[in-house]
Amino acid sequence: MSKWAAILAGGSGTRFWPLSTPSKPKQMLNLSGQQSLLESTVSRLQGLIEPEQILILTGRHLVDDTQRLLPDLPKENVLAEPKAASTAPALTWATVAALERDPEASLLSVHADWHVGDDPLFRETAAAAFDTAETHDLLVTVGIVPTRPETGYGYILPGDALAGGTARRVKKFLEKPDAERAAQLIDAGALWNSGMFAWTGSRYLEETKQHAPEIAPFLEHLRSGDIETFFHAVTPIAVDVSHFERSEKVACVPGRFLWDDVGTWAALGRVRDLDERGNVQMGSAFARDSSGCVVWAADGKVVVDGVEDLVVVQANGVTMVTTKNRCSALKDLLNSLPPEIRSLP
């Protein structure tokens, strides 16, 4: 079977406001290194998947910028979703598109906005996920070996081992726990649910027909090329729910590479270089007698003095000051702002 990748690269530009905007969302920002998160995602696949077999799923308003960032990918590999409908419809489209070009396609699904600290180990793990999907004819999820009792992630409780390799059946998926429960799950061998998946195209479509009534009745629209009707007919649903939580043909492969979904400004403290007092300083930023801060100056100058655990971001004519603990509530903040402050170019 040939290996394909489906990269989920939509985004509304809210998680890293005011630096991110609808026209330049998280995955197009250089949040964790010299490249944008999207460029890093594609580079990470080199040696595992050919550029001609990498599909990008994004919004129509992001197509031109996506193609500009990724000139080595064929333009027809950037799939523009007519509307946001969560991950399952998008990945169903990618699976059908890959099968149309290659009836023996297997797919790896990843998000464009992750930070990965060990690309070779990532590729080794992805290869193991492909092998498990093809050998055992199962949907496969990659569970990250936890490094802390994270309350913002879902967890996977592995079950019985499969023959050969490190793959195991999935016993149970668990939603975001509190800190005490997260520690208990880690002690029990649970893994973080990364959202990195692998499957053969044929198995995915079979599971779609059996378990995803939100999507299955509309598959013919995809096959006939009527993408617009398909996206407006389906019910938005995450592939975690539509396929992985409902199917019994699911396995997990452990991932031991450094992984972070870079979900908030506070996450930059885990993926960026820190000064001697644990601060992230980007652009014309200066921190004196301060610790644990994220200070990002995009087009101006920012100085902090004598503070701890603050996030200070200056970008697009806006300066935002909050705490690390409140970063996860950024969407609530945006919803409370008057349009003239919230709306950015």
Protein backbone atom coordinates (compact mmCIF):
# COMPACT_ATOMS: atom_id res chain seq x y z
CA MET A 1 0.00 0.00 0.00
CA SER A 2 1.15 3.56 -0.67
CA LYS A 3 1.38 6.13 2.10
CA TRP A 4 -0.53 9.40 2.02
CA ALA A 5 -0.90 12.20 4.56
CA ALA A 6 -3.92 14.37 5.33
CA ILE A 7 -2.93 17.56 7.16
CA LEU A 8 -5.72 19.46 8.91
CA ALA A 9 -4.83 23.13 8.45
CA GLY A 10 -7.97 25.17 8.99
CA GLY A 11 -8.24 27.72 11.75
CA SER A 12 -10.13 30.78 12.89
CA GLY A 13 -7.17 32.74 14.26
CA THR A 14 -8.35 33.04 17.86
CA ARG A 15 -5.98 30.94 19.97
CA PHE A 16 -3.02 33.29 19.59
CA TRP A 17 -4.80 36.63 19.32
CA PRO A 18 -3.72 39.37 18.76
CA LEU A 19 -0.81 37.84 16.77
CA SER A 20 -3.09 35.39 14.96
CA THR A 21 -5.93 36.58 12.74
CA PRO A 22 -8.51 34.84 10.52
CA SER A 23 -6.21 35.46 7.54
CA LYS A 24 -3.12 34.29 9.43
CA PRO A 25 -4.15 31.67 12.00
CA LYS A 26 -1.97 29.67 14.34
CA GLN A 27 -0.57 27.17 11.84
CA MET A 28 0.86 29.96 9.68
CA LEU A 29 2.82 31.53 12.54
CA ASN A 30 6.41 30.81 13.55
CA LEU A 31 5.38 29.98 17.09
CA SER A 32 7.88 27.25 17.94
CA GLY A 33 10.79 27.86 15.55
CA GLN A 34 12.05 29.52 12.38
CA GLN A 35 9.33 27.95 10.21
CA SER A 36 5.59 28.22 10.50
CA LEU A 37 3.92 25.28 12.20
CA LEU A 38 2.43 24.25 8.84
CA GLU A 39 5.81 24.27 7.09
CA SER A 40 7.33 22.26 9.93
CA THR A 41 4.52 19.71 9.67
CA VAL A 42 5.20 19.11 5.98
CA SER A 43 8.99 19.02 6.47
CA ARG A 44 8.54 16.42 9.20
CA LEU A 45 7.00 14.01 6.69
CA GLN A 46 10.03 14.05 4.38
CA GLY A 47 11.41 10.55 3.89
CA LEU A 48 8.09 8.98 4.89
CA ILE A 49 5.58 10.42 2.41
CA GLU A 50 6.20 11.94 -1.01
CA PRO A 51 5.09 15.57 -1.52
CA GLU A 52 2.72 14.44 -4.28
CA GLN A 53 0.88 12.36 -1.68
CA ILE A 54 0.42 15.04 0.98
CA LEU A 55 -3.06 16.59 1.09
CA ILE A 56 -3.76 19.85 2.94
CA LEU A 57 -7.29 20.53 4.19
CA THR A 58 -7.95 24.19 4.80
CA GLY A 59 -10.47 26.99 4.41
CA ARG A 60 -11.02 28.69 1.08
CA HIS A 61 -9.69 31.99 2.38
CA LEU A 62 -6.36 30.32 3.27
CA VAL A 63 -5.68 28.50 -0.01
CA ASP A 64 -3.42 31.12 -1.60
CA ASP A 65 -1.28 31.59 1.51
CA THR A 66 -1.07 27.83 2.02
CA GLN A 67 0.17 27.32 -1.53
CA ARG A 68 2.66 30.14 -1.09
CA LEU A 69 4.07 28.54 2.06
CA LEU A 70 4.25 25.09 0.41
CA PRO A 71 5.43 25.64 -3.19
CA ASP A 72 6.71 22.05 -3.54
CA LEU A 73 3.23 20.58 -3.12
CA PRO A 74 0.97 20.28 -6.18
CA LYS A 75 -1.68 23.00 -6.09
CA GLU A 76 -4.43 20.40 -6.47
CA ASN A 77 -3.31 18.86 -3.17
CA VAL A 78 -4.63 21.85 -1.24
CA LEU A 79 -8.27 20.93 -0.60
CA ALA A 80 -10.44 23.96 0.17
CA GLU A 81 -13.34 23.14 2.48
CA PRO A 82 -16.53 25.01 1.51
CA LYS A 83 -17.38 25.37 5.19
CA ALA A 84 -15.96 24.26 8.52
CA ALA A 85 -17.53 20.92 9.48
CA SER A 86 -15.02 19.54 12.01
CA THR A 87 -12.49 16.79 11.33
CA ALA A 88 -14.52 13.77 10.22
CA PRO A 89 -16.03 15.27 7.02
CA ALA A 90 -12.66 16.79 6.10
CA LEU A 91 -10.81 13.51 6.57
CA THR A 92 -13.50 11.62 4.70
CA TRP A 93 -12.94 13.95 1.75
CA ALA A 94 -9.17 13.43 1.99
CA THR A 95 -9.61 9.65 2.11
CA VAL A 96 -11.87 9.60 -0.94
CA ALA A 97 -9.52 11.95 -2.81
CA ALA A 98 -6.52 9.72 -2.06
CA LEU A 99 -8.40 6.57 -3.11
CA GLU A 100 -9.42 8.18 -6.40
CA ARG A 101 -5.75 8.70 -7.23
CA ASP A 102 -4.53 5.48 -5.64
CA PRO A 103 -6.98 2.63 -4.78
CA GLU A 104 -4.41 1.15 -2.38
CA ALA A 105 -3.90 4.33 -0.35
CA SER A 106 -3.28 4.35 3.39
CA LEU A 107 -3.53 7.67 5.18
CA LEU A 108 -1.83 9.37 8.11
CA SER A 109 -3.87 12.20 9.64
CA VAL A 110 -2.03 14.98 11.49
CA HIS A 111 -2.76 18.53 12.54
CA ALA A 112 -0.79 21.44 11.11
CA ASP A 113 -0.38 23.24 14.42
CA TRP A 114 1.64 20.82 16.58
CA HIS A 115 5.16 21.11 17.90
CA VAL A 116 7.21 17.90 17.66
CA GLY A 117 10.62 17.70 19.29
CA ASP A 118 12.04 14.65 17.51
CA ASP A 119 11.22 14.35 13.81
CA PRO A 120 13.01 10.99 13.21
CA LEU A 121 11.14 9.40 16.13
CA PHE A 122 7.90 10.92 14.85
CA ARG A 123 8.46 9.26 11.47
CA GLU A 124 9.34 5.95 13.14
CA THR A 125 6.10 6.10 15.12
CA ALA A 126 4.07 7.08 12.04
CA ALA A 127 5.56 4.13 10.15
CA ALA A 128 4.52 1.82 13.01
CA ALA A 129 0.98 3.27 12.85
CA PHE A 130 0.84 2.64 9.09
CA ASP A 131 2.11 -0.92 9.58
CA THR A 132 -0.49 -1.64 12.27
CA ALA A 133 -3.31 -0.22 10.13
CA GLU A 134 -2.29 -2.28 7.10
CA THR A 135 -1.34 -5.52 8.85
CA HIS A 136 -4.33 -5.73 11.19
CA ASP A 137 -6.87 -3.80 9.08
CA LEU A 138 -7.67 -1.41 11.93
CA LEU A 139 -8.08 2.28 12.58
CA VAL A 140 -4.99 3.37 14.50
CA THR A 141 -4.45 6.25 16.89
CA VAL A 142 -1.08 7.37 18.21
CA GLY A 143 -1.11 7.89 21.97
CA ILE A 144 1.64 10.11 23.35
CA VAL A 145 3.44 8.82 26.44
CA PRO A 146 2.60 11.53 29.02
CA THR A 147 5.23 13.73 30.64
CA ARG A 148 2.87 15.41 33.11
CA PRO A 149 -0.73 15.07 34.42
CA GLU A 150 -2.13 17.36 31.72
CA THR A 151 -5.79 18.29 32.21
CA GLY A 152 -6.26 19.83 28.76
CA TYR A 153 -5.88 16.56 26.79
CA GLY A 154 -8.01 13.49 26.33
CA TYR A 155 -6.52 10.10 27.30
CA ILE A 156 -6.43 6.61 25.80
CA LEU A 157 -6.46 3.52 28.00
CA PRO A 158 -4.75 0.70 26.04
CA GLY A 159 -6.12 -2.83 26.09
CA ASP A 160 -4.82 -6.17 24.81
CA ALA A 161 -1.58 -6.31 22.85
CA LEU A 162 -1.61 -7.11 19.13
CA ALA A 163 0.79 -9.62 17.65
CA GLY A 164 4.12 -8.02 16.76
CA GLY A 165 5.29 -4.50 17.56
CA THR A 166 3.98 -2.27 20.34
CA ALA A 167 0.39 -1.77 19.19
CA ARG A 168 -2.52 -2.57 21.48
CA ARG A 169 -6.28 -2.53 21.21
CA VAL A 170 -7.98 0.53 22.64
CA LYS A 171 -9.87 -0.25 25.81
CA LYS A 172 -11.36 3.18 26.40
CA PHE A 173 -11.14 6.84 25.44
CA LEU A 174 -11.41 9.29 28.33
CA GLU A 175 -12.26 12.98 28.21
CA LYS A 176 -10.16 15.70 29.80
CA PRO A 177 -9.70 14.72 33.47
CA ASP A 178 -8.87 16.81 36.51
CA ALA A 179 -5.28 16.74 37.78
CA GLU A 180 -5.83 13.94 40.31
CA ARG A 181 -7.58 11.71 37.79
CA ALA A 182 -4.93 12.48 35.14
CA ALA A 183 -2.20 11.29 37.52
CA GLN A 184 -4.16 8.09 38.19
CA LEU A 185 -4.57 7.46 34.48
CA ILE A 186 -0.86 7.90 33.86
CA ASP A 187 -0.10 5.40 36.62
CA ALA A 188 -2.49 2.99 34.88
CA GLY A 189 -0.58 3.32 31.60
CA ALA A 190 -2.90 5.74 29.80
CA LEU A 191 -1.63 7.82 26.89
CA TRP A 192 -2.45 11.30 25.66
CA ASN A 193 -4.89 11.27 22.76
CA SER A 194 -2.84 13.22 20.23
CA GLY A 195 -5.26 13.20 17.30
CA MET A 196 -2.66 11.53 15.07
CA PHE A 197 -4.32 8.67 13.18
CA ALA A 198 -3.62 6.10 10.46
CA TRP A 199 -5.91 3.88 8.40
CA THR A 200 -6.27 2.19 5.06
CA GLY A 201 -8.71 3.97 2.81
CA SER A 202 -10.90 0.91 2.51
CA ARG A 203 -11.14 0.37 6.28
CA TYR A 204 -11.96 4.02 6.91
CA LEU A 205 -14.81 4.03 4.42
CA GLU A 206 -16.19 0.77 5.80
CA GLU A 207 -16.20 2.22 9.32
CA THR A 208 -17.82 5.37 7.95
CA LYS A 209 -20.68 3.33 6.52
CA GLN A 210 -21.12 1.37 9.75
CA HIS A 211 -20.67 4.04 12.41
CA ALA A 212 -20.98 7.56 10.97
CA PRO A 213 -24.60 8.29 9.97
CA GLU A 214 -23.69 11.99 10.00
CA ILE A 215 -21.53 11.36 6.92
CA ALA A 216 -22.24 7.99 5.27
CA PRO A 217 -25.46 8.93 3.38
CA PHE A 218 -23.59 11.68 1.56
CA LEU A 219 -20.50 9.81 0.34
CA GLU A 220 -21.80 9.73 -3.22
CA HIS A 221 -21.51 13.52 -3.37
CA LEU A 222 -17.78 13.16 -2.78
CA ARG A 223 -17.43 10.42 -5.36
CA SER A 224 -19.22 12.54 -7.96
CA GLY A 225 -17.07 15.56 -7.14
CA ASP A 226 -19.87 17.60 -5.58
CA ILE A 227 -17.84 18.80 -2.60
CA GLU A 228 -20.10 21.78 -1.93
CA THR A 229 -23.21 19.63 -1.44
CA PHE A 230 -21.33 17.12 0.69
CA PHE A 231 -20.11 19.73 3.17
CA HIS A 232 -23.50 21.37 3.46
CA ALA A 233 -25.27 18.02 3.89
CA VAL A 234 -23.12 16.42 6.59
CA THR A 235 -23.45 17.06 10.31
CA PRO A 236 -20.20 18.48 11.71
CA ILE A 237 -18.50 15.88 13.91
CA ALA A 238 -14.97 15.06 15.07
CA VAL A 239 -13.41 11.88 13.71
CA ASP A 240 -12.55 10.92 17.30
CA VAL A 241 -16.28 10.56 17.94
CA SER A 242 -17.62 9.41 14.58
CA HIS A 243 -15.08 6.65 14.05
CA PHE A 244 -12.70 5.96 16.91
CA GLU A 245 -15.12 6.05 19.83
CA ARG A 246 -17.81 4.07 18.00
CA SER A 247 -15.79 1.41 16.21
CA GLU A 248 -14.42 -1.78 17.74
CA LYS A 249 -11.69 -1.98 15.11
CA VAL A 250 -9.35 0.47 16.82
CA ALA A 251 -5.76 0.12 18.02
CA CYS A 252 -3.19 2.48 19.51
CA VAL A 253 0.54 2.85 19.00
CA PRO A 254 2.61 4.66 21.66
CA GLY A 255 4.50 7.79 20.67
CA ARG A 256 7.54 8.66 22.75
CA PHE A 257 8.52 11.84 20.93
CA LEU A 258 8.12 15.29 22.46
CA TRP A 259 4.68 16.52 21.35
CA ASP A 260 2.66 19.60 22.18
CA ASP A 261 -0.50 20.89 20.54
CA VAL A 262 0.61 24.49 21.31
CA GLY A 263 -2.86 25.25 22.50
CA THR A 264 -2.29 28.56 24.31
CA TRP A 265 0.28 31.30 24.71
CA ALA A 266 1.43 29.57 27.89
CA ALA A 267 2.50 26.53 25.85
CA LEU A 268 5.37 28.53 24.35
CA GLY A 269 7.21 28.00 27.62
CA ARG A 270 7.38 24.30 26.70
CA VAL A 271 8.42 24.65 23.06
CA ARG A 272 10.60 27.80 22.93
CA ASP A 273 14.06 28.51 24.31
CA LEU A 274 13.90 30.17 27.74
CA ASP A 275 16.17 32.68 29.41
CA GLU A 276 17.75 31.93 32.78
CA ARG A 277 14.54 32.85 34.59
CA GLY A 278 12.19 30.86 32.38
CA ASN A 279 10.93 33.68 30.17
CA VAL A 280 10.10 33.50 26.47
CA GLN A 281 11.17 36.74 24.79
CA MET A 282 10.43 37.32 21.10
CA GLY A 283 11.08 40.43 19.03
CA SER A 284 11.99 43.65 20.81
CA ALA A 285 11.06 42.26 24.21
CA PHE A 286 12.89 42.79 27.49
CA ALA A 287 12.20 41.21 30.89
CA ARG A 288 13.87 42.50 34.05
CA ASP A 289 13.59 40.74 37.41
CA SER A 290 10.74 38.71 35.94
CA SER A 291 10.16 34.97 35.69
CA GLY A 292 7.95 32.52 33.79
CA CYS A 293 6.63 35.17 31.38
CA VAL A 294 5.84 35.04 27.68
CA VAL A 295 6.68 38.39 26.09
CA TRP A 296 6.07 38.67 22.34
CA ALA A 297 6.68 41.96 20.52
CA ALA A 298 5.69 41.59 16.87
CA ASP A 299 6.15 45.15 15.61
CA GLY A 300 6.90 47.31 18.63
CA LYS A 301 8.79 47.19 21.92
CA VAL A 302 7.63 45.56 25.16
CA VAL A 303 9.28 45.80 28.59
CA VAL A 304 8.18 43.90 31.71
CA ASP A 305 9.66 44.46 35.14
CA GLY A 306 9.29 42.55 38.39
CA VAL A 307 6.42 40.30 37.33
CA GLU A 308 5.76 36.56 37.16
CA ASP A 309 3.77 34.25 34.87
CA LEU A 310 2.41 36.99 32.65
CA VAL A 311 1.67 36.83 28.93
CA VAL A 312 2.28 40.13 27.17
CA VAL A 313 1.69 40.23 23.42
CA GLN A 314 2.02 43.26 21.15
CA ALA A 315 0.86 42.68 17.56
CA ASN A 316 -1.38 44.23 14.92
CA GLY A 317 -1.80 47.45 16.85
CA VAL A 318 -3.01 45.70 20.02
CA THR A 319 -1.28 45.01 23.33
CA MET A 320 -2.72 42.20 25.43
CA VAL A 321 -1.69 41.49 29.01
CA THR A 322 -2.99 38.40 30.80
CA THR A 323 -1.74 35.58 32.99
CA LYS A 324 -0.66 32.11 31.94
CA ASN A 325 -3.55 30.64 33.90
CA ARG A 326 -6.09 32.68 31.93
CA CYS A 327 -4.71 31.91 28.46
CA SER A 328 -7.09 28.99 28.01
CA ALA A 329 -10.00 31.43 28.32
CA LEU A 330 -8.81 33.63 25.44
CA LYS A 331 -11.90 32.83 23.38
CA ASP A 332 -14.11 34.13 26.20
CA LEU A 333 -12.05 37.31 26.28
CA LEU A 334 -12.47 37.82 22.55
CA ASN A 335 -16.22 37.30 22.76
CA SER A 336 -16.39 40.06 25.37
CA LEU A 337 -14.46 42.64 23.35
CA PRO A 338 -16.09 45.34 21.23
CA PRO A 339 -15.69 44.68 17.49
CA GLU A 340 -13.34 47.61 16.94
CA ILE A 341 -10.80 46.01 19.29
CA ARG A 342 -11.34 42.37 18.45
CA SER A 343 -11.29 42.71 14.65
CA LEU A 344 -7.79 42.66 13.18
CA PRO A 345 -6.52 42.86 9.59
